[in-house]
Each structure stands twice: as structure tokens, then as C-alpha cells.
Amino acid sequence: MPSPHSPTAPLVPANAENRYEVTRADLPLSCPMPGMALWNSHPKVYLPIVDDGGESVCAYCGACYVLRD
């Protein structure tokens, strides 16, 4: 599956996975992320995430985002 944050990747379904690994290039972090199809998703929310190995969980869909460098 293409990375949901790649600007040249085709749109991927929003909230299709329970866990996403993100990098500092993906900050500020939002759910759904840029590159995800938005037509069937919840409203876009920004999520706090800090330091390498930090995690954040979306209150709407429960997706867990893990920061990896």
C-alpha cells in the first residue's frame, strides 16, 4: 500500500489501518492525513505527537500514529 503522505501516491482509503508510522516530514500531524481520500472520513483533526517513538490516537477513528525517524 502506498504511503498516505507521499505527494505523488494515489489516494488511499482514509482510516483503513489501525496503526500508521509517520516521520517528522509528516508534521503537523492530522487525521486523516494528506493523500487519504476524504469523502468517507471524519472531519480533519490535528493530533499532538512528540519525540521519536511518540504516539497519538485519533479520537474519531482510533487510528494510532507512531513517530519514527
C-alpha atoms as a PDB file:
ATOM      1  CA  MET A   1       0.000   0.000   0.000  1.00  0.00           C
ATOM      2  CA  PRO A   2       1.425   3.440  -0.890  1.00  0.00           C
ATOM      3  CA  SER A   3       2.356   5.761   1.928  1.00  0.00           C
ATOM      4  CA  PRO A   4      -0.593   8.081   2.733  1.00  0.00           C
ATOM      5  CA  HIS A   5       1.748  11.047   2.989  1.00  0.00           C
ATOM      6  CA  SER A   6       3.519  10.703  -0.359  1.00  0.00           C
ATOM      7  CA  PRO A   7       2.535  13.634  -2.609  1.00  0.00           C
ATOM      8  CA  THR A   8       2.697  11.519  -5.785  1.00  0.00           C
ATOM      9  CA  ALA A   9       0.916   8.444  -4.469  1.00  0.00           C
ATOM     10  CA  PRO A  10      -2.686   7.794  -5.460  1.00  0.00           C
ATOM     11  CA  LEU A  11      -5.267   8.480  -2.769  1.00  0.00           C
ATOM     12  CA  VAL A  12      -5.567   5.695  -0.234  1.00  0.00           C
ATOM     13  CA  PRO A  13      -8.696   4.983   1.793  1.00  0.00           C
ATOM     14  CA  ALA A  14      -8.903   7.103   4.925  1.00  0.00           C
ATOM     15  CA  ASN A  15      -8.806   5.295   8.245  1.00  0.00           C
ATOM     16  CA  ALA A  16      -8.117   1.962   6.545  1.00  0.00           C
ATOM     17  CA  GLU A  17      -5.473   0.926   9.062  1.00  0.00           C
ATOM     18  CA  ASN A  18      -5.299   0.956  12.845  1.00  0.00           C
ATOM     19  CA  ARG A  19      -1.623   1.990  13.041  1.00  0.00           C
ATOM     20  CA  TYR A  20       0.420   4.381  10.937  1.00  0.00           C
ATOM     21  CA  GLU A  21       4.130   5.136  11.199  1.00  0.00           C
ATOM     22  CA  VAL A  22       4.917   8.782  10.470  1.00  0.00           C
ATOM     23  CA  THR A  23       8.084  10.888  10.311  1.00  0.00           C
ATOM     24  CA  ARG A  24       8.887  14.499  11.152  1.00  0.00           C
ATOM     25  CA  ALA A  25       8.207  15.326   7.486  1.00  0.00           C
ATOM     26  CA  ASP A  26       4.538  14.478   8.158  1.00  0.00           C
ATOM     27  CA  LEU A  27       4.212  17.127  10.874  1.00  0.00           C
ATOM     28  CA  PRO A  28       1.930  18.808  11.719  1.00  0.00           C
ATOM     29  CA  LEU A  29       0.093  15.526  12.068  1.00  0.00           C
ATOM     30  CA  SER A  30      -3.539  15.331  11.063  1.00  0.00           C
ATOM     31  CA  CYS A  31      -6.082  12.558  10.745  1.00  0.00           C
ATOM     32  CA  PRO A  32      -6.927  11.834   8.043  1.00  0.00           C
ATOM     33  CA  MET A  33      -3.511  12.598   6.596  1.00  0.00           C
ATOM     34  CA  PRO A  34      -2.911  14.388   3.283  1.00  0.00           C
ATOM     35  CA  GLY A  35      -3.181  11.852   0.491  1.00  0.00           C
ATOM     36  CA  MET A  36      -6.080   9.994   2.070  1.00  0.00           C
ATOM     37  CA  ALA A  37      -9.460  10.031   0.379  1.00  0.00           C
ATOM     38  CA  LEU A  38     -11.670  12.305   2.460  1.00  0.00           C
ATOM     39  CA  TRP A  39     -15.131  11.668   1.045  1.00  0.00           C
ATOM     40  CA  ASN A  40     -15.903   8.880   3.532  1.00  0.00           C
ATOM     41  CA  SER A  41     -13.901  10.036   6.532  1.00  0.00           C
ATOM     42  CA  HIS A  42     -14.407  12.044   9.700  1.00  0.00           C
ATOM     43  CA  PRO A  43     -13.553  15.767   9.926  1.00  0.00           C
ATOM     44  CA  LYS A  44      -9.838  16.567   9.783  1.00  0.00           C
ATOM     45  CA  VAL A  45      -8.280  16.920  13.233  1.00  0.00           C
ATOM     46  CA  TYR A  46      -4.721  17.790  14.218  1.00  0.00           C
ATOM     47  CA  LEU A  47      -3.010  15.435  16.656  1.00  0.00           C
ATOM     48  CA  PRO A  48      -0.219  16.227  19.120  1.00  0.00           C
ATOM     49  CA  ILE A  49       2.842  13.992  18.890  1.00  0.00           C
ATOM     50  CA  VAL A  50       6.307  14.477  20.413  1.00  0.00           C
ATOM     51  CA  ASP A  51       9.781  12.951  20.264  1.00  0.00           C
ATOM     52  CA  ASP A  52      10.924   9.798  18.499  1.00  0.00           C
ATOM     53  CA  GLY A  53       8.640   6.940  19.435  1.00  0.00           C
ATOM     54  CA  GLY A  54       5.845   9.310  20.431  1.00  0.00           C
ATOM     55  CA  GLU A  55       2.300   8.179  19.786  1.00  0.00           C
ATOM     56  CA  SER A  56      -1.033   9.854  19.254  1.00  0.00           C
ATOM     57  CA  VAL A  57      -4.502   8.333  18.856  1.00  0.00           C
ATOM     58  CA  CYS A  58      -7.311   9.892  16.838  1.00  0.00           C
ATOM     59  CA  ALA A  59     -10.427  10.390  18.967  1.00  0.00           C
ATOM     60  CA  TYR A  60     -12.690   9.919  15.935  1.00  0.00           C
ATOM     61  CA  CYS A  61     -11.443   6.684  14.400  1.00  0.00           C
ATOM     62  CA  GLY A  62      -8.968   5.293  16.943  1.00  0.00           C
ATOM     63  CA  ALA A  63      -6.053   5.201  14.476  1.00  0.00           C
ATOM     64  CA  CYS A  64      -2.713   5.170  16.280  1.00  0.00           C
ATOM     65  CA  TYR A  65       0.105   7.272  14.822  1.00  0.00           C
ATOM     66  CA  VAL A  66       3.689   6.468  15.847  1.00  0.00           C
ATOM     67  CA  LEU A  67       6.538   8.905  15.166  1.00  0.00           C
ATOM     68  CA  ARG A  68       9.633   7.235  13.713  1.00  0.00           C
ATOM     69  CA  ASP A  69      12.737   8.988  12.381  1.00  0.00           C
END
